[in-house]
């Protein structure tokens, strides 16, 4: 083949591979990230958030490939509730096969009747190193820990993942917090 015969073929091949990865995610294919105890139709290729062993489903999923955005329909419209014992820090775990480019946690005390935050809450950027969010990475999972007060009623975790040069995955998890009985 003559020089320049591919005409940016490598770039096209990488973009095609990234698009195939996103299509596999959207179709429910696992890309080797399945966990045997999950049903094959449950979005098992998505990163997983758990709080004290309780799995929280994403409330928002956004795929971006090239300049196009896709928001699959939400499967879980209700905000789950997590019961916590009195503690000074909330501990969470995210299992993912993708590198995170953004990890933010917001904790809110004021919640309206529909479960939306009424106050500005405390916001933590877990990747900046200067916030009160502690982050520890171990073998494909990230352990997050943020300070909480007994008045916290809602937590929102937002992560952005790079799926290749031209593709990103944005996930938002929301859960309400209730205090455990003494």
C-alpha atoms as a PDB file:
ATOM      1  CA  UNK A   1       0.000   0.000   0.000  1.00  0.00           C
ATOM      2  CA  UNK A   2       1.288   3.457  -0.770  1.00  0.00           C
ATOM      3  CA  UNK A   3       2.033   6.015   1.895  1.00  0.00           C
ATOM      4  CA  UNK A   4      -1.137   7.647   3.168  1.00  0.00           C
ATOM      5  CA  UNK A   5      -3.278   4.949   1.549  1.00  0.00           C
ATOM      6  CA  UNK A   6      -5.274   4.403   4.724  1.00  0.00           C
ATOM      7  CA  UNK A   7      -6.252   8.094   4.838  1.00  0.00           C
ATOM      8  CA  UNK A   8      -6.600   8.272   8.624  1.00  0.00           C
ATOM      9  CA  UNK A   9      -7.636   4.615   8.795  1.00  0.00           C
ATOM     10  CA  UNK A  10      -6.123   4.082  12.225  1.00  0.00           C
ATOM     11  CA  UNK A  11      -8.172   6.951  13.633  1.00  0.00           C
ATOM     12  CA  UNK A  12     -11.306   5.566  11.966  1.00  0.00           C
ATOM     13  CA  UNK A  13     -10.554   2.096  13.326  1.00  0.00           C
ATOM     14  CA  UNK A  14     -10.207   3.460  16.883  1.00  0.00           C
ATOM     15  CA  UNK A  15     -13.444   5.437  16.558  1.00  0.00           C
ATOM     16  CA  UNK A  16     -15.171   2.327  15.185  1.00  0.00           C
ATOM     17  CA  UNK A  17     -13.881   0.239  18.112  1.00  0.00           C
ATOM     18  CA  UNK A  18     -15.119   2.839  20.618  1.00  0.00           C
ATOM     19  CA  UNK A  19     -18.527   2.924  18.903  1.00  0.00           C
ATOM     20  CA  UNK A  20     -18.722  -0.886  19.021  1.00  0.00           C
ATOM     21  CA  UNK A  21     -17.929  -0.803  22.752  1.00  0.00           C
ATOM     22  CA  UNK A  22     -20.746   1.657  23.396  1.00  0.00           C
ATOM     23  CA  UNK A  23     -23.149  -0.350  21.214  1.00  0.00           C
ATOM     24  CA  UNK A  24     -22.239  -3.467  23.191  1.00  0.00           C
ATOM     25  CA  UNK A  25     -23.028  -1.592  26.411  1.00  0.00           C
ATOM     26  CA  UNK A  26     -26.339  -0.367  25.034  1.00  0.00           C
ATOM     27  CA  UNK A  27     -27.327  -3.834  23.836  1.00  0.00           C
ATOM     28  CA  UNK A  28     -26.534  -5.453  27.174  1.00  0.00           C
ATOM     29  CA  UNK A  29     -23.392  -7.271  26.058  1.00  0.00           C
ATOM     30  CA  UNK A  30     -20.951  -7.563  28.895  1.00  0.00           C
ATOM     31  CA  UNK A  31     -17.467  -7.032  27.427  1.00  0.00           C
ATOM     32  CA  UNK A  32     -16.232  -9.533  30.019  1.00  0.00           C
ATOM     33  CA  UNK A  33     -17.505  -7.557  32.994  1.00  0.00           C
ATOM     34  CA  UNK A  34     -20.516  -9.712  33.852  1.00  0.00           C
ATOM     35  CA  UNK A  35     -21.031 -11.039  37.303  1.00  0.00           C
ATOM     36  CA  UNK A  36     -22.637 -14.504  37.313  1.00  0.00           C
ATOM     37  CA  UNK A  37     -25.313 -13.635  39.881  1.00  0.00           C
ATOM     38  CA  UNK A  38     -26.849 -10.895  37.693  1.00  0.00           C
ATOM     39  CA  UNK A  39     -29.473 -11.436  35.032  1.00  0.00           C
ATOM     40  CA  UNK A  40     -28.094 -11.051  31.483  1.00  0.00           C
ATOM     41  CA  UNK A  41     -30.568  -8.207  30.755  1.00  0.00           C
ATOM     42  CA  UNK A  42     -29.736  -5.942  33.712  1.00  0.00           C
ATOM     43  CA  UNK A  43     -27.154  -3.530  32.274  1.00  0.00           C
ATOM     44  CA  UNK A  44     -24.414  -5.638  33.897  1.00  0.00           C
ATOM     45  CA  UNK A  45     -21.656  -3.909  31.891  1.00  0.00           C
ATOM     46  CA  UNK A  46     -22.308  -0.599  33.650  1.00  0.00           C
ATOM     47  CA  UNK A  47     -20.198   0.398  36.640  1.00  0.00           C
ATOM     48  CA  UNK A  48     -21.818  -0.584  39.951  1.00  0.00           C
ATOM     49  CA  UNK A  49     -22.216   1.560  43.087  1.00  0.00           C
ATOM     50  CA  UNK A  50     -22.802  -0.080  46.442  1.00  0.00           C
ATOM     51  CA  UNK A  51     -23.328   1.485  49.840  1.00  0.00           C
ATOM     52  CA  UNK A  52     -22.807  -0.819  52.806  1.00  0.00           C
ATOM     53  CA  UNK A  53     -23.314  -3.807  50.493  1.00  0.00           C
ATOM     54  CA  UNK A  54     -26.544  -2.464  48.968  1.00  0.00           C
ATOM     55  CA  UNK A  55     -26.401  -2.081  45.184  1.00  0.00           C
ATOM     56  CA  UNK A  56     -27.726   1.259  43.913  1.00  0.00           C
ATOM     57  CA  UNK A  57     -28.955   1.399  40.312  1.00  0.00           C
ATOM     58  CA  UNK A  58     -27.994   4.484  38.276  1.00  0.00           C
ATOM     59  CA  UNK A  59     -30.702   7.126  38.078  1.00  0.00           C
ATOM     60  CA  UNK A  60     -29.154   8.630  34.960  1.00  0.00           C
ATOM     61  CA  UNK A  61     -27.004   7.134  32.194  1.00  0.00           C
ATOM     62  CA  UNK A  62     -25.571   9.227  29.351  1.00  0.00           C
ATOM     63  CA  UNK A  63     -23.406   7.869  26.507  1.00  0.00           C
ATOM     64  CA  UNK A  64     -21.504  10.262  24.263  1.00  0.00           C
ATOM     65  CA  UNK A  65     -19.867   8.984  21.085  1.00  0.00           C
ATOM     66  CA  UNK A  66     -18.288  11.543  18.819  1.00  0.00           C
ATOM     67  CA  UNK A  67     -20.725  14.446  18.980  1.00  0.00           C
ATOM     68  CA  UNK A  68     -23.829  12.322  19.607  1.00  0.00           C
ATOM     69  CA  UNK A  69     -25.542  11.783  22.952  1.00  0.00           C
ATOM     70  CA  UNK A  70     -27.782   8.921  23.977  1.00  0.00           C
ATOM     71  CA  UNK A  71     -29.814   8.737  27.182  1.00  0.00           C
ATOM     72  CA  UNK A  72     -31.387   5.307  27.630  1.00  0.00           C
ATOM     73  CA  UNK A  73     -34.721   5.256  29.435  1.00  0.00           C
ATOM     74  CA  UNK A  74     -34.409   5.125  33.208  1.00  0.00           C
ATOM     75  CA  UNK A  75     -35.325   1.741  34.578  1.00  0.00           C
ATOM     76  CA  UNK A  76     -35.475   2.870  38.192  1.00  0.00           C
ATOM     77  CA  UNK A  77     -37.487   6.052  38.656  1.00  0.00           C
ATOM     78  CA  UNK A  78     -37.692   5.705  42.437  1.00  0.00           C
ATOM     79  CA  UNK A  79     -34.826   6.904  44.590  1.00  0.00           C
ATOM     80  CA  UNK A  80     -33.653   3.985  46.753  1.00  0.00           C
ATOM     81  CA  UNK A  81     -33.167   4.386  50.477  1.00  0.00           C
ATOM     82  CA  UNK A  82     -30.086   3.364  52.449  1.00  0.00           C
ATOM     83  CA  UNK A  83     -30.215   2.971  56.212  1.00  0.00           C
ATOM     84  CA  UNK A  84     -27.047   4.127  57.964  1.00  0.00           C
ATOM     85  CA  UNK A  85     -25.840   3.753  61.501  1.00  0.00           C
ATOM     86  CA  UNK A  86     -24.605   6.990  63.071  1.00  0.00           C
ATOM     87  CA  UNK A  87     -21.194   7.689  61.555  1.00  0.00           C
ATOM     88  CA  UNK A  88     -19.015  10.598  60.615  1.00  0.00           C
ATOM     89  CA  UNK A  89     -18.226   9.264  57.143  1.00  0.00           C
ATOM     90  CA  UNK A  90     -20.272   7.621  54.410  1.00  0.00           C
ATOM     91  CA  UNK A  91     -18.462   4.778  52.637  1.00  0.00           C
ATOM     92  CA  UNK A  92     -19.266   3.712  49.077  1.00  0.00           C
ATOM     93  CA  UNK A  93     -17.715   1.393  46.504  1.00  0.00           C
ATOM     94  CA  UNK A  94     -17.732   1.702  42.698  1.00  0.00           C
ATOM     95  CA  UNK A  95     -16.759  -1.318  40.583  1.00  0.00           C
ATOM     96  CA  UNK A  96     -15.863  -0.448  37.016  1.00  0.00           C
ATOM     97  CA  UNK A  97     -13.668  -1.589  34.181  1.00  0.00           C
ATOM     98  CA  UNK A  98     -13.268   1.999  32.973  1.00  0.00           C
ATOM     99  CA  UNK A  99     -11.014   4.815  34.204  1.00  0.00           C
ATOM    100  CA  UNK A 100     -12.944   7.627  35.907  1.00  0.00           C
ATOM    101  CA  UNK A 101     -12.300  11.174  34.712  1.00  0.00           C
ATOM    102  CA  UNK A 102     -14.639  12.796  37.234  1.00  0.00           C
ATOM    103  CA  UNK A 103     -15.899  11.614  40.620  1.00  0.00           C
ATOM    104  CA  UNK A 104     -18.167  13.990  42.542  1.00  0.00           C
ATOM    105  CA  UNK A 105     -20.309  13.366  45.609  1.00  0.00           C
ATOM    106  CA  UNK A 106     -22.979  15.723  46.948  1.00  0.00           C
ATOM    107  CA  UNK A 107     -24.646  15.279  50.350  1.00  0.00           C
ATOM    108  CA  UNK A 108     -27.841  17.218  51.100  1.00  0.00           C
ATOM    109  CA  UNK A 109     -29.869  17.785  54.268  1.00  0.00           C
ATOM    110  CA  UNK A 110     -32.832  19.639  52.756  1.00  0.00           C
ATOM    111  CA  UNK A 111     -35.064  17.438  50.580  1.00  0.00           C
ATOM    112  CA  UNK A 112     -38.478  18.377  49.177  1.00  0.00           C
ATOM    113  CA  UNK A 113     -41.569  16.130  48.955  1.00  0.00           C
ATOM    114  CA  UNK A 114     -40.414  14.773  45.568  1.00  0.00           C
ATOM    115  CA  UNK A 115     -36.981  13.802  46.899  1.00  0.00           C
ATOM    116  CA  UNK A 116     -35.053  16.645  45.230  1.00  0.00           C
ATOM    117  CA  UNK A 117     -32.380  18.595  47.077  1.00  0.00           C
ATOM    118  CA  UNK A 118     -33.574  21.932  48.506  1.00  0.00           C
ATOM    119  CA  UNK A 119     -30.184  23.142  49.698  1.00  0.00           C
ATOM    120  CA  UNK A 120     -26.758  23.484  48.097  1.00  0.00           C
ATOM    121  CA  UNK A 121     -25.435  20.653  50.236  1.00  0.00           C
ATOM    122  CA  UNK A 122     -21.796  19.774  50.596  1.00  0.00           C
ATOM    123  CA  UNK A 123     -20.044  18.999  47.314  1.00  0.00           C
ATOM    124  CA  UNK A 124     -16.888  16.881  47.096  1.00  0.00           C
ATOM    125  CA  UNK A 125     -14.593  16.513  44.076  1.00  0.00           C
ATOM    126  CA  UNK A 126     -12.942  13.189  44.813  1.00  0.00           C
ATOM    127  CA  UNK A 127     -10.222  13.497  42.151  1.00  0.00           C
ATOM    128  CA  UNK A 128      -8.850  16.925  43.076  1.00  0.00           C
ATOM    129  CA  UNK A 129      -6.982  15.681  46.157  1.00  0.00           C
ATOM    130  CA  UNK A 130      -7.913  18.771  48.147  1.00  0.00           C
ATOM    131  CA  UNK A 131     -11.460  17.857  49.129  1.00  0.00           C
ATOM    132  CA  UNK A 132     -12.614  15.927  52.163  1.00  0.00           C
ATOM    133  CA  UNK A 133     -13.484  12.976  49.922  1.00  0.00           C
ATOM    134  CA  UNK A 134     -11.149  10.060  50.479  1.00  0.00           C
ATOM    135  CA  UNK A 135     -10.633   7.780  47.518  1.00  0.00           C
ATOM    136  CA  UNK A 136      -8.797   4.453  47.485  1.00  0.00           C
ATOM    137  CA  UNK A 137      -8.421   2.360  44.324  1.00  0.00           C
ATOM    138  CA  UNK A 138      -8.096  -1.408  44.641  1.00  0.00           C
ATOM    139  CA  UNK A 139      -8.219  -4.010  41.842  1.00  0.00           C
ATOM    140  CA  UNK A 140     -10.969  -2.586  39.648  1.00  0.00           C
ATOM    141  CA  UNK A 141     -12.927  -0.861  42.391  1.00  0.00           C
ATOM    142  CA  UNK A 142     -12.848   2.572  43.957  1.00  0.00           C
ATOM    143  CA  UNK A 143     -13.705   3.066  47.616  1.00  0.00           C
ATOM    144  CA  UNK A 144     -15.090   6.524  48.406  1.00  0.00           C
ATOM    145  CA  UNK A 145     -15.564   8.061  51.817  1.00  0.00           C
ATOM    146  CA  UNK A 146     -17.132  11.469  52.476  1.00  0.00           C
ATOM    147  CA  UNK A 147     -18.003  13.257  55.733  1.00  0.00           C
ATOM    148  CA  UNK A 148     -21.683  13.252  56.685  1.00  0.00           C
ATOM    149  CA  UNK A 149     -23.763  14.673  59.492  1.00  0.00           C
ATOM    150  CA  UNK A 150     -26.871  13.071  61.020  1.00  0.00           C
ATOM    151  CA  UNK A 151     -29.017  15.579  59.088  1.00  0.00           C
ATOM    152  CA  UNK A 152     -28.000  14.235  55.622  1.00  0.00           C
ATOM    153  CA  UNK A 153     -31.045  12.907  53.732  1.00  0.00           C
ATOM    154  CA  UNK A 154     -29.892  12.646  50.080  1.00  0.00           C
ATOM    155  CA  UNK A 155     -26.633  11.635  48.384  1.00  0.00           C
ATOM    156  CA  UNK A 156     -25.833  12.098  44.690  1.00  0.00           C
ATOM    157  CA  UNK A 157     -22.743  10.467  43.142  1.00  0.00           C
ATOM    158  CA  UNK A 158     -21.661  11.500  39.638  1.00  0.00           C
ATOM    159  CA  UNK A 159     -18.913   9.777  37.647  1.00  0.00           C
ATOM    160  CA  UNK A 160     -17.655  10.277  34.105  1.00  0.00           C
ATOM    161  CA  UNK A 161     -15.744   7.439  32.446  1.00  0.00           C
ATOM    162  CA  UNK A 162     -13.617   7.464  29.285  1.00  0.00           C
ATOM    163  CA  UNK A 163     -14.530   4.561  26.966  1.00  0.00           C
ATOM    164  CA  UNK A 164     -11.991   5.404  24.299  1.00  0.00           C
ATOM    165  CA  UNK A 165     -10.818   8.462  22.448  1.00  0.00           C
ATOM    166  CA  UNK A 166     -14.244   9.523  21.243  1.00  0.00           C
ATOM    167  CA  UNK A 167     -16.639   7.996  23.792  1.00  0.00           C
ATOM    168  CA  UNK A 168     -17.639   8.772  27.376  1.00  0.00           C
ATOM    169  CA  UNK A 169     -20.111   7.330  29.849  1.00  0.00           C
ATOM    170  CA  UNK A 170     -21.712   9.528  32.513  1.00  0.00           C
ATOM    171  CA  UNK A 171     -23.538   7.948  35.448  1.00  0.00           C
ATOM    172  CA  UNK A 172     -25.505   9.501  38.286  1.00  0.00           C
ATOM    173  CA  UNK A 173     -26.598   7.557  41.345  1.00  0.00           C
ATOM    174  CA  UNK A 174     -29.078   9.031  43.859  1.00  0.00           C
ATOM    175  CA  UNK A 175     -30.129   7.552  47.167  1.00  0.00           C
ATOM    176  CA  UNK A 176     -31.933   8.759  50.239  1.00  0.00           C
ATOM    177  CA  UNK A 177     -30.404   8.267  53.665  1.00  0.00           C
ATOM    178  CA  UNK A 178     -32.359   7.204  56.734  1.00  0.00           C
ATOM    179  CA  UNK A 179     -30.911   6.809  60.188  1.00  0.00           C
ATOM    180  CA  UNK A 180     -30.852   3.362  61.755  1.00  0.00           C
ATOM    181  CA  UNK A 181     -32.832   2.871  64.947  1.00  0.00           C
ATOM    182  CA  UNK A 182     -30.562   3.027  68.002  1.00  0.00           C
END
